[in-house]
Each structure stands twice: as C-alpha cells, then as structure tokens.
Amino acid sequence: MSLNHASLVRDASARSGLPEATVEAVVGALADLVHHSHASPDELLNALLGAPDPLHAHPGDPRDPALVAALVERAKTHPLGLDYLKGGHLGSVAATFETHAFTVLSARDLLR
C-alpha cells in the first residue's frame, strides 16, 4: 500500500475510531510541528511514541576518559583484543564494542 496524506488520514481514522476531520486536524498539527521544530526527526518520533525520556537526553561526551578506559578494558578481554581496537576498521570496531567512533579514536590515542 502506498502511503500518502489521504491514506494516512483514512488509516489513522479507521484504527482510532476518530472522525477523519479530527485525524486531519491532528495530522496537520503534527506536520506543522515537524516543519517548525528544531528537534530532529528521531527526537520527534521518540516523543510521539511516548518514550519517557527524550532521545539522547543524556548523550554525554563519547571521549569521556571513563568511557575510553572502559573500552580499553573490554578490548583486553575480547577475543579480537587490543590489536583489533588499535587497528581494525573504525566503524567495525565501534560496532563490535557498541560504542561511538570518537570513543574508539580516543582509546587509540591513549594506547599510542
């Protein structure tokens, strides 16, 4: 099914039991919010879905020395080890250790 404005309103009306005119007003208000908000689309979606905290409410600095030290310690016990942390593809290392690329770069700087 191709989703356009009219089908979105019809589908939301059918799912919610609200009249299409009411759904149209809500969709219009949400569209206005999207167009005029300084929030990212991910933050708006997170808020719309009712998450208790805003997305990235406490992002922290990925270069925080505590995060970097924790990454180095994890790498010491990981099967791929410190060599992988120091020389593996940046994106792969970040994904493997589920951390930010800046944390990986900071760990590499620390290990030099």
Protein backbone atom coordinates (compact mmCIF):
# COMPACT_ATOMS: atom_id res chain seq x y z
CA MET A 1 0.00 0.00 0.00
CA SER A 2 1.32 3.40 -0.96
CA LEU A 3 1.08 5.85 1.92
CA ASN A 4 0.13 9.41 1.11
CA HIS A 5 -1.59 12.10 3.17
CA ALA A 6 -5.14 10.94 2.38
CA SER A 7 -4.41 7.26 3.05
CA LEU A 8 -2.61 8.19 6.29
CA VAL A 9 -5.70 10.08 7.49
CA ARG A 10 -8.08 7.27 6.44
CA ASP A 11 -5.93 4.59 8.08
CA ALA A 12 -5.47 6.53 11.33
CA SER A 13 -9.20 7.27 11.42
CA ALA A 14 -10.08 3.61 10.92
CA ARG A 15 -7.59 2.47 13.57
CA SER A 16 -8.55 5.07 16.16
CA GLY A 17 -12.27 5.30 15.54
CA LEU A 18 -11.94 9.09 15.34
CA PRO A 19 -13.64 11.01 12.54
CA GLU A 20 -11.40 11.77 9.57
CA ALA A 21 -11.82 15.51 10.21
CA THR A 22 -10.36 15.11 13.70
CA VAL A 23 -7.47 12.99 12.43
CA GLU A 24 -6.88 15.56 9.67
CA ALA A 25 -6.55 18.30 12.32
CA VAL A 26 -4.11 16.21 14.39
CA VAL A 27 -2.03 15.28 11.35
CA GLY A 28 -1.96 18.94 10.33
CA ALA A 29 -0.79 19.96 13.79
CA LEU A 30 1.92 17.28 13.75
CA ALA A 31 3.06 18.35 10.27
CA ASP A 32 3.29 21.94 11.49
CA LEU A 33 5.36 20.77 14.46
CA VAL A 34 7.73 18.85 12.18
CA HIS A 35 8.18 21.84 9.89
CA HIS A 36 8.79 24.36 12.67
CA SER A 37 10.55 22.30 15.32
CA HIS A 38 14.26 22.45 15.94
CA ALA A 39 14.20 18.81 17.04
CA SER A 40 15.49 16.03 14.82
CA PRO A 41 13.02 13.65 13.17
CA ASP A 42 14.26 10.90 15.53
CA GLU A 43 13.57 13.08 18.58
CA LEU A 44 10.08 13.92 17.29
CA LEU A 45 9.31 10.26 16.61
CA ASN A 46 10.61 9.29 20.04
CA ALA A 47 8.35 11.89 21.68
CA LEU A 48 5.39 10.89 19.52
CA LEU A 49 5.78 7.24 20.50
CA GLY A 50 5.62 8.23 24.16
CA ALA A 51 9.14 7.45 25.33
CA PRO A 52 9.64 8.54 28.94
CA ASP A 53 12.85 10.44 28.19
CA PRO A 54 13.79 12.47 25.15
CA LEU A 55 16.06 10.70 22.70
CA HIS A 56 19.67 11.35 23.63
CA ALA A 57 18.57 13.21 26.77
CA HIS A 58 21.92 12.49 28.35
CA PRO A 59 24.24 11.99 25.40
CA GLY A 60 27.49 12.51 27.30
CA ASP A 61 30.84 13.05 25.71
CA PRO A 62 31.97 9.95 23.80
CA ARG A 63 35.57 10.97 24.57
CA ASP A 64 34.94 10.84 28.33
CA PRO A 65 38.04 9.26 29.92
CA ALA A 66 35.89 6.80 31.87
CA LEU A 67 34.25 5.53 28.66
CA VAL A 68 37.62 5.29 26.95
CA ALA A 69 39.15 3.36 29.86
CA ALA A 70 36.16 1.01 29.95
CA LEU A 71 36.53 0.35 26.22
CA VAL A 72 40.22 -0.48 26.63
CA GLU A 73 39.41 -2.88 29.46
CA ARG A 74 36.70 -4.59 27.38
CA ALA A 75 39.12 -4.92 24.46
CA LYS A 76 41.68 -6.62 26.70
CA THR A 77 39.24 -9.48 27.36
CA HIS A 78 37.61 -9.55 23.91
CA PRO A 79 38.65 -12.38 21.55
CA LEU A 80 39.84 -9.84 18.95
CA GLY A 81 41.84 -7.99 21.60
CA LEU A 82 43.71 -4.73 21.74
CA ASP A 83 45.18 -5.15 18.25
CA TYR A 84 41.66 -5.00 16.81
CA LEU A 85 40.84 -1.93 18.88
CA LYS A 86 44.03 -0.23 17.69
CA GLY A 87 43.94 -1.21 14.03
CA GLY A 88 40.56 -2.52 12.96
CA HIS A 89 38.25 -0.58 10.66
CA LEU A 90 36.86 2.29 12.74
CA GLY A 91 33.20 1.53 12.02
CA SER A 92 33.64 -2.18 12.63
CA VAL A 93 35.43 -1.62 15.92
CA ALA A 94 32.76 0.83 17.10
CA ALA A 95 30.02 -1.63 16.13
CA THR A 96 31.78 -4.59 17.72
CA PHE A 97 32.15 -2.79 21.03
CA GLU A 98 28.81 -0.97 20.68
CA THR A 99 30.42 2.40 21.26
CA HIS A 100 30.88 5.71 19.50
CA ALA A 101 33.63 6.09 16.92
CA PHE A 102 35.03 9.02 18.92
CA THR A 103 35.45 6.68 21.90
CA VAL A 104 37.42 4.30 19.69
CA LEU A 105 39.60 7.14 18.40
CA SER A 106 40.26 8.35 21.94
CA ALA A 107 41.18 4.82 23.01
CA ARG A 108 43.58 4.57 20.11
CA ASP A 109 45.19 7.85 21.12
CA LEU A 110 45.52 6.55 24.67
CA LEU A 111 47.15 3.32 23.52
CA ARG A 112 49.81 5.03 21.37
